[in-house]
Amino acid sequence: MLSNWFLSIVLGAAIGLSLGALGGGGSILTVPALVYVLNVNAKVATGASLLIVGSSALFGTFAHHRFRRVQWKVGLSIGAISIVGSVAGTRLNKMIDPNLLLLLFAMLMFTVAIMMVVRSRKSPPSPVANTSAQNSLEFATGARTGSDLPLVDPSPRAGVVEVRPRQYRPGLVIAVGVGVGFLTGFLGVGGGFIVVPSLILALGFELPEAVGTSLLIIFVSSAFALAERGGVHGISDAIVVPFAVAAMLSAVVGNALANRLPIRKLNYGFIALVTSVAIYVSIRSILALT
């Protein structure tokens, strides 16, 4: 149907923009968009979400790689570890009632919104001029300084990140990998909202490379989970193909906007959107379960 084709493009473009700009966020809206806008079964939607999110994350990864924003060693390591959680999450997904699955999804969305609000209040505005490291920490806490100007890269080549050697904590890398894999397999989300703050706060990444590396992790974990499910079944190509293509192309656009968007305002807008969708999904799933 033409309307579904058009809606798929619009929704895919919006989700790809979020993935490309923030390294996550849009993926948590993919399942509700498929279920409530395009009338796709909840379990089918979690599988289709893996294809859509994974493919757009792959495009976004290479777009960020051009500016040296991807830490391939860490990204591939966490992605490989995610297979453990992905297998467990995928098997649990098959055992859960679709309406209960949606209710759990809504609870996850509420959790994400609360985390973002809490972080935004932990870091008050500072009169000190932003540095790249300060911008990174402020993204993880949801705050920006000064007049909320877009992120400006001080390096000679705009957007290029200077990569410095770091010491990584194996335990944290394993925990992030397993957690992201489980969420990916169970709910069909990429887990970027967990990965980006973890890379910044615990592993010392700067914002741009945390976003780029998280996209690599999302792609790998999504690919594992999709393989575990045996591919995407039960959804029309007229929905999933334009949705995925629009998400992939707009992820590249999101990457181009990553250094120009007012992050604080974008975060608050995303919080409002996620909360609204979570309320709607909760009401619909609770009514279906009762």
C-alpha atoms as a PDB file:
ATOM      1  CA  MET A   1       0.000   0.000   0.000  1.00  0.00           C
ATOM      2  CA  LEU A   2       1.289   3.463  -0.945  1.00  0.00           C
ATOM      3  CA  SER A   3       0.547   4.952   2.489  1.00  0.00           C
ATOM      4  CA  ASN A   4       2.621   2.270   4.248  1.00  0.00           C
ATOM      5  CA  TRP A   5       5.460   2.832   1.799  1.00  0.00           C
ATOM      6  CA  PHE A   6       5.418   6.581   2.473  1.00  0.00           C
ATOM      7  CA  LEU A   7       5.169   6.137   6.254  1.00  0.00           C
ATOM      8  CA  SER A   8       8.057   3.664   6.173  1.00  0.00           C
ATOM      9  CA  ILE A   9      10.288   6.231   4.474  1.00  0.00           C
ATOM     10  CA  VAL A  10       9.353   9.021   6.903  1.00  0.00           C
ATOM     11  CA  LEU A  11       9.819   6.856  10.008  1.00  0.00           C
ATOM     12  CA  GLY A  12      13.039   5.326   8.716  1.00  0.00           C
ATOM     13  CA  ALA A  13      14.488   8.753   7.958  1.00  0.00           C
ATOM     14  CA  ALA A  14      13.720  10.020  11.465  1.00  0.00           C
ATOM     15  CA  ILE A  15      15.248   6.976  13.137  1.00  0.00           C
ATOM     16  CA  GLY A  16      18.352   7.040  10.949  1.00  0.00           C
ATOM     17  CA  LEU A  17      18.934  10.706  11.771  1.00  0.00           C
ATOM     18  CA  SER A  18      18.908   9.940  15.490  1.00  0.00           C
ATOM     19  CA  LEU A  19      21.260   6.993  15.077  1.00  0.00           C
ATOM     20  CA  GLY A  20      23.698   8.957  12.948  1.00  0.00           C
ATOM     21  CA  ALA A  21      23.735  12.020  15.183  1.00  0.00           C
ATOM     22  CA  LEU A  22      23.586  10.437  18.638  1.00  0.00           C
ATOM     23  CA  GLY A  23      24.780   6.852  18.107  1.00  0.00           C
ATOM     24  CA  GLY A  24      21.480   5.576  19.485  1.00  0.00           C
ATOM     25  CA  GLY A  25      18.030   6.667  20.507  1.00  0.00           C
ATOM     26  CA  GLY A  26      16.158   6.185  17.264  1.00  0.00           C
ATOM     27  CA  SER A  27      16.369   2.412  17.542  1.00  0.00           C
ATOM     28  CA  ILE A  28      14.198   2.407  20.653  1.00  0.00           C
ATOM     29  CA  LEU A  29      11.392   3.969  18.604  1.00  0.00           C
ATOM     30  CA  THR A  30      11.590   1.492  15.717  1.00  0.00           C
ATOM     31  CA  VAL A  31       9.487  -1.249  17.313  1.00  0.00           C
ATOM     32  CA  PRO A  32       6.638   1.066  18.440  1.00  0.00           C
ATOM     33  CA  ALA A  33       6.661   2.697  14.994  1.00  0.00           C
ATOM     34  CA  LEU A  34       6.338  -0.661  13.256  1.00  0.00           C
ATOM     35  CA  VAL A  35       3.671  -1.958  15.654  1.00  0.00           C
ATOM     36  CA  TYR A  36       1.404   1.058  16.081  1.00  0.00           C
ATOM     37  CA  VAL A  37       1.913   2.990  12.853  1.00  0.00           C
ATOM     38  CA  LEU A  38       2.468   0.177  10.356  1.00  0.00           C
ATOM     39  CA  ASN A  39       0.457  -2.540  12.173  1.00  0.00           C
ATOM     40  CA  VAL A  40       3.272  -5.107  12.378  1.00  0.00           C
ATOM     41  CA  ASN A  41       3.122  -7.928  14.953  1.00  0.00           C
ATOM     42  CA  ALA A  42       5.255  -7.143  18.019  1.00  0.00           C
ATOM     43  CA  LYS A  43       7.583 -10.137  17.709  1.00  0.00           C
ATOM     44  CA  VAL A  44       7.936  -9.629  13.969  1.00  0.00           C
ATOM     45  CA  ALA A  45       8.689  -5.956  14.626  1.00  0.00           C
ATOM     46  CA  THR A  46      11.582  -6.787  16.979  1.00  0.00           C
ATOM     47  CA  GLY A  47      13.142  -8.885  14.214  1.00  0.00           C
ATOM     48  CA  ALA A  48      12.585  -6.255  11.525  1.00  0.00           C
ATOM     49  CA  SER A  49      14.041  -3.660  13.884  1.00  0.00           C
ATOM     50  CA  LEU A  50      17.317  -5.581  13.938  1.00  0.00           C
ATOM     51  CA  LEU A  51      17.621  -5.328  10.161  1.00  0.00           C
ATOM     52  CA  ILE A  52      16.647  -1.655  10.048  1.00  0.00           C
ATOM     53  CA  VAL A  53      18.799  -0.563  12.982  1.00  0.00           C
ATOM     54  CA  GLY A  54      21.749  -2.762  12.055  1.00  0.00           C
ATOM     55  CA  SER A  55      21.919  -1.649   8.429  1.00  0.00           C
ATOM     56  CA  SER A  56      21.618   2.042   9.264  1.00  0.00           C
ATOM     57  CA  ALA A  57      24.240   1.646  12.011  1.00  0.00           C
ATOM     58  CA  LEU A  58      26.620   0.103   9.451  1.00  0.00           C
ATOM     59  CA  PHE A  59      26.224   3.084   7.131  1.00  0.00           C
ATOM     60  CA  GLY A  60      26.697   5.447  10.046  1.00  0.00           C
ATOM     61  CA  THR A  61      29.843   3.601  11.150  1.00  0.00           C
ATOM     62  CA  PHE A  62      31.642   4.165   7.863  1.00  0.00           C
ATOM     63  CA  ALA A  63      30.471   7.773   7.736  1.00  0.00           C
ATOM     64  CA  HIS A  64      32.065   8.355  11.163  1.00  0.00           C
ATOM     65  CA  HIS A  65      35.163   6.341  10.186  1.00  0.00           C
ATOM     66  CA  ARG A  66      36.027   8.968   7.607  1.00  0.00           C
ATOM     67  CA  PHE A  67      36.673  11.348  10.500  1.00  0.00           C
ATOM     68  CA  ARG A  68      38.471   8.744  12.664  1.00  0.00           C
ATOM     69  CA  ARG A  69      35.597   8.545  15.130  1.00  0.00           C
ATOM     70  CA  VAL A  70      35.473   4.739  15.316  1.00  0.00           C
ATOM     71  CA  GLN A  71      37.580   2.688  17.742  1.00  0.00           C
ATOM     72  CA  TRP A  72      37.466  -0.581  15.815  1.00  0.00           C
ATOM     73  CA  LYS A  73      39.244  -2.758  18.377  1.00  0.00           C
ATOM     74  CA  VAL A  74      36.922  -1.849  21.246  1.00  0.00           C
ATOM     75  CA  GLY A  75      33.829  -1.828  19.056  1.00  0.00           C
ATOM     76  CA  LEU A  76      34.470  -5.261  17.583  1.00  0.00           C
ATOM     77  CA  SER A  77      35.403  -6.671  20.999  1.00  0.00           C
ATOM     78  CA  ILE A  78      32.178  -5.483  22.645  1.00  0.00           C
ATOM     79  CA  GLY A  79      30.207  -6.542  19.580  1.00  0.00           C
ATOM     80  CA  ALA A  80      31.692 -10.054  19.672  1.00  0.00           C
ATOM     81  CA  ILE A  81      30.968 -10.382  23.395  1.00  0.00           C
ATOM     82  CA  SER A  82      27.368  -9.325  22.751  1.00  0.00           C
ATOM     83  CA  ILE A  83      26.669 -12.684  21.081  1.00  0.00           C
ATOM     84  CA  VAL A  84      26.315 -14.266  24.536  1.00  0.00           C
ATOM     85  CA  GLY A  85      23.585 -11.876  25.618  1.00  0.00           C
ATOM     86  CA  SER A  86      22.054 -11.889  22.148  1.00  0.00           C
ATOM     87  CA  VAL A  87      21.435 -15.650  22.174  1.00  0.00           C
ATOM     88  CA  ALA A  88      19.821 -15.476  25.621  1.00  0.00           C
ATOM     89  CA  GLY A  89      17.687 -12.466  24.701  1.00  0.00           C
ATOM     90  CA  THR A  90      16.496 -13.983  21.419  1.00  0.00           C
ATOM     91  CA  ARG A  91      15.408 -17.215  23.097  1.00  0.00           C
ATOM     92  CA  LEU A  92      13.546 -15.335  25.806  1.00  0.00           C
ATOM     93  CA  ASN A  93      11.825 -13.219  23.144  1.00  0.00           C
ATOM     94  CA  LYS A  94      10.244 -16.359  21.673  1.00  0.00           C
ATOM     95  CA  MET A  95       8.740 -17.313  25.056  1.00  0.00           C
ATOM     96  CA  ILE A  96       7.070 -13.977  25.900  1.00  0.00           C
ATOM     97  CA  ASP A  97       3.508 -12.888  25.083  1.00  0.00           C
ATOM     98  CA  PRO A  98       3.663 -10.086  22.445  1.00  0.00           C
ATOM     99  CA  ASN A  99       1.660  -7.668  24.613  1.00  0.00           C
ATOM    100  CA  LEU A 100       3.871  -8.360  27.629  1.00  0.00           C
ATOM    101  CA  LEU A 101       6.873  -7.804  25.364  1.00  0.00           C
ATOM    102  CA  LEU A 102       5.517  -4.376  24.435  1.00  0.00           C
ATOM    103  CA  LEU A 103       4.881  -3.532  28.093  1.00  0.00           C
ATOM    104  CA  LEU A 104       8.485  -4.437  28.944  1.00  0.00           C
ATOM    105  CA  PHE A 105       9.582  -2.335  25.994  1.00  0.00           C
ATOM    106  CA  ALA A 106       7.633   0.619  27.408  1.00  0.00           C
ATOM    107  CA  MET A 107       9.298   0.118  30.800  1.00  0.00           C
ATOM    108  CA  LEU A 108      12.680   0.264  29.069  1.00  0.00           C
ATOM    109  CA  MET A 109      11.689   3.506  27.368  1.00  0.00           C
ATOM    110  CA  PHE A 110      10.665   5.041  30.710  1.00  0.00           C
ATOM    111  CA  THR A 111      14.009   3.955  32.165  1.00  0.00           C
ATOM    112  CA  VAL A 112      15.925   5.595  29.331  1.00  0.00           C
ATOM    113  CA  ALA A 113      13.973   8.838  29.715  1.00  0.00           C
ATOM    114  CA  ILE A 114      14.576   8.911  33.491  1.00  0.00           C
ATOM    115  CA  MET A 115      18.301   8.234  33.032  1.00  0.00           C
ATOM    116  CA  MET A 116      18.586  11.117  30.590  1.00  0.00           C
ATOM    117  CA  VAL A 117      16.726  13.500  32.922  1.00  0.00           C
ATOM    118  CA  VAL A 118      18.866  12.516  35.925  1.00  0.00           C
ATOM    119  CA  ARG A 119      22.084  13.000  33.977  1.00  0.00           C
ATOM    120  CA  SER A 120      20.936  16.389  32.714  1.00  0.00           C
ATOM    121  CA  ARG A 121      20.555  17.585  36.308  1.00  0.00           C
ATOM    122  CA  LYS A 122      23.889  16.250  37.523  1.00  0.00           C
ATOM    123  CA  SER A 123      25.974  18.621  35.413  1.00  0.00           C
ATOM    124  CA  PRO A 124      25.042  22.306  35.847  1.00  0.00           C
ATOM    125  CA  PRO A 125      26.008  24.815  33.169  1.00  0.00           C
ATOM    126  CA  SER A 126      29.570  26.072  33.456  1.00  0.00           C
ATOM    127  CA  PRO A 127      30.912  29.480  32.453  1.00  0.00           C
ATOM    128  CA  VAL A 128      34.139  27.839  31.284  1.00  0.00           C
ATOM    129  CA  ALA A 129      34.515  27.518  27.536  1.00  0.00           C
ATOM    130  CA  ASN A 130      33.876  24.004  26.238  1.00  0.00           C
ATOM    131  CA  THR A 131      36.682  21.663  25.374  1.00  0.00           C
ATOM    132  CA  SER A 132      36.223  18.452  23.415  1.00  0.00           C
ATOM    133  CA  ALA A 133      36.477  16.377  26.598  1.00  0.00           C
ATOM    134  CA  GLN A 134      33.969  18.602  28.401  1.00  0.00           C
ATOM    135  CA  ASN A 135      31.538  18.265  25.525  1.00  0.00           C
ATOM    136  CA  SER A 136      31.844  14.488  25.762  1.00  0.00           C
ATOM    137  CA  LEU A 137      31.071  14.354  29.469  1.00  0.00           C
ATOM    138  CA  GLU A 138      28.251  16.848  29.086  1.00  0.00           C
ATOM    139  CA  PHE A 139      26.648  14.703  26.410  1.00  0.00           C
ATOM    140  CA  ALA A 140      26.723  11.700  28.722  1.00  0.00           C
ATOM    141  CA  THR A 141      25.091  13.748  31.476  1.00  0.00           C
ATOM    142  CA  GLY A 142      22.656  15.394  29.081  1.00  0.00           C
ATOM    143  CA  ALA A 143      23.945  18.941  29.632  1.00  0.00           C
ATOM    144  CA  ARG A 144      25.718  21.591  27.613  1.00  0.00           C
ATOM    145  CA  THR A 145      27.405  24.802  28.721  1.00  0.00           C
ATOM    146  CA  GLY A 146      27.038  28.440  27.790  1.00  0.00           C
ATOM    147  CA  SER A 147      24.293  29.322  25.337  1.00  0.00           C
ATOM    148  CA  ASP A 148      23.805  25.724  24.137  1.00  0.00           C
ATOM    149  CA  LEU A 149      25.819  26.252  20.995  1.00  0.00           C
ATOM    150  CA  PRO A 150      26.410  23.321  18.622  1.00  0.00           C
ATOM    151  CA  LEU A 151      29.450  21.151  19.241  1.00  0.00           C
ATOM    152  CA  VAL A 152      32.519  22.736  17.660  1.00  0.00           C
ATOM    153  CA  ASP A 153      35.581  20.629  17.022  1.00  0.00           C
ATOM    154  CA  PRO A 154      38.778  22.559  17.816  1.00  0.00           C
ATOM    155  CA  SER A 155      40.961  20.412  15.535  1.00  0.00           C
ATOM    156  CA  PRO A 156      42.219  21.829  12.231  1.00  0.00           C
ATOM    157  CA  ARG A 157      40.068  19.434  10.240  1.00  0.00           C
ATOM    158  CA  ALA A 158      36.482  19.883  11.417  1.00  0.00           C
ATOM    159  CA  GLY A 159      34.984  16.729  12.896  1.00  0.00           C
ATOM    160  CA  VAL A 160      38.227  14.745  13.052  1.00  0.00           C
ATOM    161  CA  VAL A 161      38.944  13.214  16.454  1.00  0.00           C
ATOM    162  CA  GLU A 162      42.483  12.858  17.762  1.00  0.00           C
ATOM    163  CA  VAL A 163      42.716   9.227  18.908  1.00  0.00           C
ATOM    164  CA  ARG A 164      44.785   8.707  22.064  1.00  0.00           C
ATOM    165  CA  PRO A 165      45.848   5.387  23.645  1.00  0.00           C
ATOM    166  CA  ARG A 166      43.740   4.245  26.618  1.00  0.00           C
ATOM    167  CA  GLN A 167      43.607   1.496  29.199  1.00  0.00           C
ATOM    168  CA  TYR A 168      40.341  -0.441  28.962  1.00  0.00           C
ATOM    169  CA  ARG A 169      38.665  -2.309  31.817  1.00  0.00           C
ATOM    170  CA  PRO A 170      37.992  -5.883  30.639  1.00  0.00           C
ATOM    171  CA  GLY A 171      35.170  -6.352  33.142  1.00  0.00           C
ATOM    172  CA  LEU A 172      33.316  -3.293  31.919  1.00  0.00           C
ATOM    173  CA  VAL A 173      33.821  -4.197  28.271  1.00  0.00           C
ATOM    174  CA  ILE A 174      32.331  -7.644  28.961  1.00  0.00           C
ATOM    175  CA  ALA A 175      29.403  -6.227  30.949  1.00  0.00           C
ATOM    176  CA  VAL A 176      28.530  -3.698  28.244  1.00  0.00           C
ATOM    177  CA  GLY A 177      28.796  -6.343  25.528  1.00  0.00           C
ATOM    178  CA  VAL A 178      26.553  -8.860  27.284  1.00  0.00           C
ATOM    179  CA  GLY A 179      24.003  -6.210  28.275  1.00  0.00           C
ATOM    180  CA  VAL A 180      23.765  -4.734  24.795  1.00  0.00           C
ATOM    181  CA  GLY A 181      23.495  -8.199  23.263  1.00  0.00           C
ATOM    182  CA  PHE A 182      20.646  -9.197  25.585  1.00  0.00           C
ATOM    183  CA  LEU A 183      18.639  -6.034  24.882  1.00  0.00           C
ATOM    184  CA  THR A 184      19.261  -6.422  21.163  1.00  0.00           C
ATOM    185  CA  GLY A 185      18.109 -10.030  21.074  1.00  0.00           C
ATOM    186  CA  PHE A 186      15.164  -9.589  23.431  1.00  0.00           C
ATOM    187  CA  LEU A 187      13.686  -6.252  22.360  1.00  0.00           C
ATOM    188  CA  GLY A 188      15.288  -5.600  18.982  1.00  0.00           C
ATOM    189  CA  VAL A 189      16.996  -2.379  20.107  1.00  0.00           C
ATOM    190  CA  GLY A 190      20.580  -1.430  19.392  1.00  0.00           C
ATOM    191  CA  GLY A 191      21.457  -0.367  22.926  1.00  0.00           C
ATOM    192  CA  GLY A 192      23.208   2.856  21.903  1.00  0.00           C
ATOM    193  CA  PHE A 193      21.647   4.663  24.875  1.00  0.00           C
ATOM    194  CA  ILE A 194      23.729   2.346  27.100  1.00  0.00           C
ATOM    195  CA  VAL A 195      26.856   2.151  24.974  1.00  0.00           C
ATOM    196  CA  VAL A 196      27.496   5.874  24.421  1.00  0.00           C
ATOM    197  CA  PRO A 197      27.495   6.895  28.130  1.00  0.00           C
ATOM    198  CA  SER A 198      29.522   3.761  29.009  1.00  0.00           C
ATOM    199  CA  LEU A 199      32.202   4.567  26.451  1.00  0.00           C
ATOM    200  CA  ILE A 200      32.407   8.186  27.617  1.00  0.00           C
ATOM    201  CA  LEU A 201      32.232   7.852  31.392  1.00  0.00           C
ATOM    202  CA  ALA A 202      33.980   4.520  31.944  1.00  0.00           C
ATOM    203  CA  LEU A 203      36.349   4.160  29.001  1.00  0.00           C
ATOM    204  CA  GLY A 204      37.250   7.823  28.516  1.00  0.00           C
ATOM    205  CA  PHE A 205      35.951   8.244  24.983  1.00  0.00           C
ATOM    206  CA  GLU A 206      35.161  11.658  23.598  1.00  0.00           C
ATOM    207  CA  LEU A 207      31.652  12.268  22.291  1.00  0.00           C
ATOM    208  CA  PRO A 208      32.285  11.930  18.529  1.00  0.00           C
ATOM    209  CA  GLU A 209      34.223   8.647  18.785  1.00  0.00           C
ATOM    210  CA  ALA A 210      31.746   7.286  21.366  1.00  0.00           C
ATOM    211  CA  VAL A 211      28.954   7.880  18.853  1.00  0.00           C
ATOM    212  CA  GLY A 212      30.924   6.347  15.967  1.00  0.00           C
ATOM    213  CA  THR A 213      32.070   3.322  17.977  1.00  0.00           C
ATOM    214  CA  SER A 214      28.583   2.716  19.368  1.00  0.00           C
ATOM    215  CA  LEU A 215      27.263   2.416  15.815  1.00  0.00           C
ATOM    216  CA  LEU A 216      29.806  -0.329  15.116  1.00  0.00           C
ATOM    217  CA  ILE A 217      28.709  -2.157  18.282  1.00  0.00           C
ATOM    218  CA  ILE A 218      25.039  -1.773  17.339  1.00  0.00           C
ATOM    219  CA  PHE A 219      25.701  -3.228  13.892  1.00  0.00           C
ATOM    220  CA  VAL A 220      27.601  -6.253  15.200  1.00  0.00           C
ATOM    221  CA  SER A 221      25.094  -7.049  17.974  1.00  0.00           C
ATOM    222  CA  SER A 222      22.146  -6.596  15.592  1.00  0.00           C
ATOM    223  CA  ALA A 223      23.750  -8.903  13.030  1.00  0.00           C
ATOM    224  CA  PHE A 224      24.279 -11.618  15.651  1.00  0.00           C
ATOM    225  CA  ALA A 225      20.705 -11.345  16.915  1.00  0.00           C
ATOM    226  CA  LEU A 226      19.284 -11.356  13.378  1.00  0.00           C
ATOM    227  CA  ALA A 227      21.297 -14.469  12.503  1.00  0.00           C
ATOM    228  CA  GLU A 228      20.041 -16.178  15.666  1.00  0.00           C
ATOM    229  CA  ARG A 229      16.456 -15.513  14.554  1.00  0.00           C
ATOM    230  CA  GLY A 230      17.138 -16.870  11.078  1.00  0.00           C
ATOM    231  CA  GLY A 231      16.413 -13.571   9.358  1.00  0.00           C
ATOM    232  CA  VAL A 232      13.297 -11.400   9.143  1.00  0.00           C
ATOM    233  CA  HIS A 233       9.964 -13.150   8.675  1.00  0.00           C
ATOM    234  CA  GLY A 234       6.319 -12.101   8.552  1.00  0.00           C
ATOM    235  CA  ILE A 235       6.701  -8.540   7.299  1.00  0.00           C
ATOM    236  CA  SER A 236       6.138  -7.131   3.821  1.00  0.00           C
ATOM    237  CA  ASP A 237       9.141  -6.010   1.790  1.00  0.00           C
ATOM    238  CA  ALA A 238       7.099  -2.912   0.938  1.00  0.00           C
ATOM    239  CA  ILE A 239       7.514  -1.881   4.580  1.00  0.00           C
ATOM    240  CA  VAL A 240      10.922  -3.094   5.678  1.00  0.00           C
ATOM    241  CA  VAL A 241      12.884  -2.190   2.512  1.00  0.00           C
ATOM    242  CA  PRO A 242      11.946   1.524   2.259  1.00  0.00           C
ATOM    243  CA  PHE A 243      12.183   1.797   6.063  1.00  0.00           C
ATOM    244  CA  ALA A 244      15.706   0.345   6.079  1.00  0.00           C
ATOM    245  CA  VAL A 245      16.923   2.305   3.042  1.00  0.00           C
ATOM    246  CA  ALA A 246      15.623   5.599   4.433  1.00  0.00           C
ATOM    247  CA  ALA A 247      17.250   4.856   7.799  1.00  0.00           C
ATOM    248  CA  MET A 248      20.596   4.024   6.166  1.00  0.00           C
ATOM    249  CA  LEU A 249      20.705   7.170   4.060  1.00  0.00           C
ATOM    250  CA  SER A 250      19.558   9.471   6.853  1.00  0.00           C
ATOM    251  CA  ALA A 251      22.142   7.952   9.220  1.00  0.00           C
ATOM    252  CA  VAL A 252      24.795   9.491   6.967  1.00  0.00           C
ATOM    253  CA  VAL A 253      22.985  12.827   7.160  1.00  0.00           C
ATOM    254  CA  GLY A 254      22.804  12.469  10.937  1.00  0.00           C
ATOM    255  CA  ASN A 255      26.556  11.992  11.017  1.00  0.00           C
ATOM    256  CA  ALA A 256      27.020  15.255   9.104  1.00  0.00           C
ATOM    257  CA  LEU A 257      24.806  17.028  11.643  1.00  0.00           C
ATOM    258  CA  ALA A 258      26.558  15.487  14.670  1.00  0.00           C
ATOM    259  CA  ASN A 259      28.845  18.514  15.161  1.00  0.00           C
ATOM    260  CA  ARG A 260      26.186  21.134  14.502  1.00  0.00           C
ATOM    261  CA  LEU A 261      23.157  20.144  16.570  1.00  0.00           C
ATOM    262  CA  PRO A 262      22.374  21.765  19.951  1.00  0.00           C
ATOM    263  CA  ILE A 263      22.731  18.555  21.952  1.00  0.00           C
ATOM    264  CA  ARG A 264      20.928  19.731  25.099  1.00  0.00           C
ATOM    265  CA  LYS A 265      17.762  20.761  23.288  1.00  0.00           C
ATOM    266  CA  LEU A 266      17.879  17.629  21.166  1.00  0.00           C
ATOM    267  CA  ASN A 267      18.174  15.487  24.305  1.00  0.00           C
ATOM    268  CA  TYR A 268      15.157  17.112  25.944  1.00  0.00           C
ATOM    269  CA  GLY A 269      13.120  16.781  22.788  1.00  0.00           C
ATOM    270  CA  PHE A 270      14.022  13.124  22.588  1.00  0.00           C
ATOM    271  CA  ILE A 271      13.103  12.619  26.274  1.00  0.00           C
ATOM    272  CA  ALA A 272       9.661  14.100  25.633  1.00  0.00           C
ATOM    273  CA  LEU A 273       9.136  11.924  22.568  1.00  0.00           C
ATOM    274  CA  VAL A 274      10.283   8.706  24.264  1.00  0.00           C
ATOM    275  CA  THR A 275       8.110   9.406  27.320  1.00  0.00           C
ATOM    276  CA  SER A 276       5.035  10.081  25.185  1.00  0.00           C
ATOM    277  CA  VAL A 277       5.511   6.913  23.173  1.00  0.00           C
ATOM    278  CA  ALA A 278       6.167   4.891  26.347  1.00  0.00           C
ATOM    279  CA  ILE A 279       2.884   6.106  27.877  1.00  0.00           C
ATOM    280  CA  TYR A 280       0.983   5.182  24.728  1.00  0.00           C
ATOM    281  CA  VAL A 281       2.598   1.740  24.456  1.00  0.00           C
ATOM    282  CA  SER A 282       1.954   1.068  28.166  1.00  0.00           C
ATOM    283  CA  ILE A 283      -1.746   1.894  27.894  1.00  0.00           C
ATOM    284  CA  ARG A 284      -2.213  -0.200  24.754  1.00  0.00           C
ATOM    285  CA  SER A 285      -0.338  -3.229  26.098  1.00  0.00           C
ATOM    286  CA  ILE A 286      -2.009  -3.123  29.546  1.00  0.00           C
ATOM    287  CA  LEU A 287      -5.462  -2.934  27.963  1.00  0.00           C
ATOM    288  CA  ALA A 288      -4.578  -5.890  25.721  1.00  0.00           C
ATOM    289  CA  LEU A 289      -3.344  -7.940  28.675  1.00  0.00           C
ATOM    290  CA  THR A 290      -6.441  -7.309  30.833  1.00  0.00           C
END
